[in-house]
């Protein structure tokens, strides 16, 4: 199954207010530019990293980055729960952030979490 098809269907099944639906759709549009045409099981950690290290994302407000992460994480949580794939390329990201214009968007894996 192609990611974009699944993700658009996921969005239609969500019960959101009009404003939340709009901002979620914006995040989904951004995500689909990077991985929309890929088969879900073929999406890798590297594909997800490219989404969160793209310069275009850093021109947006921090809430867009965080919302984009939440949307992608929620979609892959459902994908795993439905047994479409056991792979979760979002799992290695704990929390994206941006600081003073310096590229800092990815915090990696459980090793980093253990350090905190």
Protein backbone atom coordinates (compact mmCIF):
# COMPACT_ATOMS: atom_id res chain seq x y z
CA UNK A 1 0.00 0.00 0.00
CA UNK A 2 1.24 3.49 -0.90
CA UNK A 3 1.81 5.76 2.12
CA UNK A 4 -0.09 8.76 0.75
CA UNK A 5 -3.23 6.72 0.09
CA UNK A 6 -3.16 5.33 3.61
CA UNK A 7 -2.38 8.70 5.19
CA UNK A 8 -5.20 10.52 3.37
CA UNK A 9 -7.61 7.81 4.45
CA UNK A 10 -6.28 8.10 8.02
CA UNK A 11 -6.98 11.83 8.00
CA UNK A 12 -10.55 11.34 6.78
CA UNK A 13 -11.22 8.91 9.65
CA UNK A 14 -10.07 11.37 12.32
CA UNK A 15 -12.56 13.45 14.26
CA UNK A 16 -10.97 16.89 14.20
CA UNK A 17 -12.27 20.42 14.34
CA UNK A 18 -12.04 22.34 11.08
CA UNK A 19 -8.91 24.21 12.25
CA UNK A 20 -7.11 21.07 13.45
CA UNK A 21 -8.02 19.25 10.24
CA UNK A 22 -6.50 22.09 8.22
CA UNK A 23 -3.20 22.15 10.12
CA UNK A 24 -3.01 18.35 10.11
CA UNK A 25 -3.57 18.34 6.35
CA UNK A 26 -0.73 20.87 5.95
CA UNK A 27 1.60 18.58 7.88
CA UNK A 28 0.43 15.60 5.89
CA UNK A 29 1.04 17.45 2.61
CA UNK A 30 4.59 18.15 3.73
CA UNK A 31 5.16 14.52 4.79
CA UNK A 32 3.76 13.19 1.52
CA UNK A 33 6.21 15.28 -0.51
CA UNK A 34 8.93 13.12 1.02
CA UNK A 35 7.44 9.64 1.33
CA UNK A 36 3.96 9.78 -0.19
CA UNK A 37 4.71 7.61 -3.22
CA UNK A 38 6.57 4.90 -1.32
CA UNK A 39 5.11 1.56 -0.29
CA UNK A 40 4.65 1.61 3.48
CA UNK A 41 6.98 -1.35 4.26
CA UNK A 42 9.74 0.28 2.17
CA UNK A 43 9.85 3.51 4.19
CA UNK A 44 13.09 3.69 6.17
CA UNK A 45 14.54 5.69 9.04
CA UNK A 46 16.59 7.59 6.45
CA UNK A 47 13.43 8.57 4.55
CA UNK A 48 11.95 9.97 7.75
CA UNK A 49 15.19 11.73 8.63
CA UNK A 50 15.09 13.52 5.27
CA UNK A 51 11.64 14.87 6.15
CA UNK A 52 12.88 16.35 9.41
CA UNK A 53 16.20 17.68 8.13
CA UNK A 54 14.80 19.40 5.05
CA UNK A 55 15.66 23.11 5.00
CA UNK A 56 12.05 23.94 4.09
CA UNK A 57 10.92 22.64 7.48
CA UNK A 58 13.29 24.97 9.31
CA UNK A 59 11.67 27.99 7.69
CA UNK A 60 8.38 27.05 9.33
CA UNK A 61 7.40 27.71 12.91
CA UNK A 62 8.41 25.18 15.55
CA UNK A 63 4.82 24.10 16.12
CA UNK A 64 4.68 22.93 12.49
CA UNK A 65 7.70 20.69 13.04
CA UNK A 66 6.21 19.24 16.20
CA UNK A 67 2.79 18.77 14.61
CA UNK A 68 4.37 17.07 11.59
CA UNK A 69 6.17 14.67 13.92
CA UNK A 70 2.95 13.88 15.84
CA UNK A 71 1.00 13.27 12.62
CA UNK A 72 3.62 10.90 11.24
CA UNK A 73 3.98 9.13 14.58
CA UNK A 74 0.20 8.65 14.90
CA UNK A 75 -0.08 7.27 11.37
CA UNK A 76 2.73 4.76 11.91
CA UNK A 77 1.30 3.74 15.28
CA UNK A 78 -1.94 2.82 13.53
CA UNK A 79 -0.08 1.11 10.67
CA UNK A 80 1.73 -1.13 13.17
CA UNK A 81 -1.46 -1.82 15.14
CA UNK A 82 -3.19 -2.92 11.93
CA UNK A 83 -0.31 -5.23 11.06
CA UNK A 84 0.48 -3.53 7.75
CA UNK A 85 4.15 -3.54 8.74
CA UNK A 86 6.14 -4.11 11.89
CA UNK A 87 8.68 -1.52 10.78
CA UNK A 88 8.34 1.89 12.42
CA UNK A 89 10.73 4.38 10.84
CA UNK A 90 9.47 7.09 13.19
CA UNK A 91 10.38 5.21 16.35
CA UNK A 92 14.01 6.33 16.31
CA UNK A 93 12.97 9.97 16.70
CA UNK A 94 12.10 10.94 20.23
CA UNK A 95 11.34 14.63 19.88
CA UNK A 96 12.21 17.05 17.10
CA UNK A 97 13.25 20.54 18.05
CA UNK A 98 14.90 23.67 16.65
CA UNK A 99 17.15 26.03 18.56
CA UNK A 100 18.42 29.48 17.53
CA UNK A 101 18.41 28.62 13.85
CA UNK A 102 20.89 25.78 14.41
CA UNK A 103 19.84 22.55 12.79
CA UNK A 104 18.79 20.35 15.65
CA UNK A 105 15.75 18.41 14.66
CA UNK A 106 16.39 14.82 15.55
CA UNK A 107 17.12 13.14 18.83
CA UNK A 108 18.06 9.59 18.17
CA UNK A 109 17.02 6.35 19.76
CA UNK A 110 16.85 5.00 23.18
CA UNK A 111 20.55 5.59 23.83
CA UNK A 112 19.89 9.33 23.85
CA UNK A 113 16.83 8.84 26.02
CA UNK A 114 18.90 6.83 28.48
CA UNK A 115 21.43 9.67 28.69
CA UNK A 116 18.71 12.15 29.74
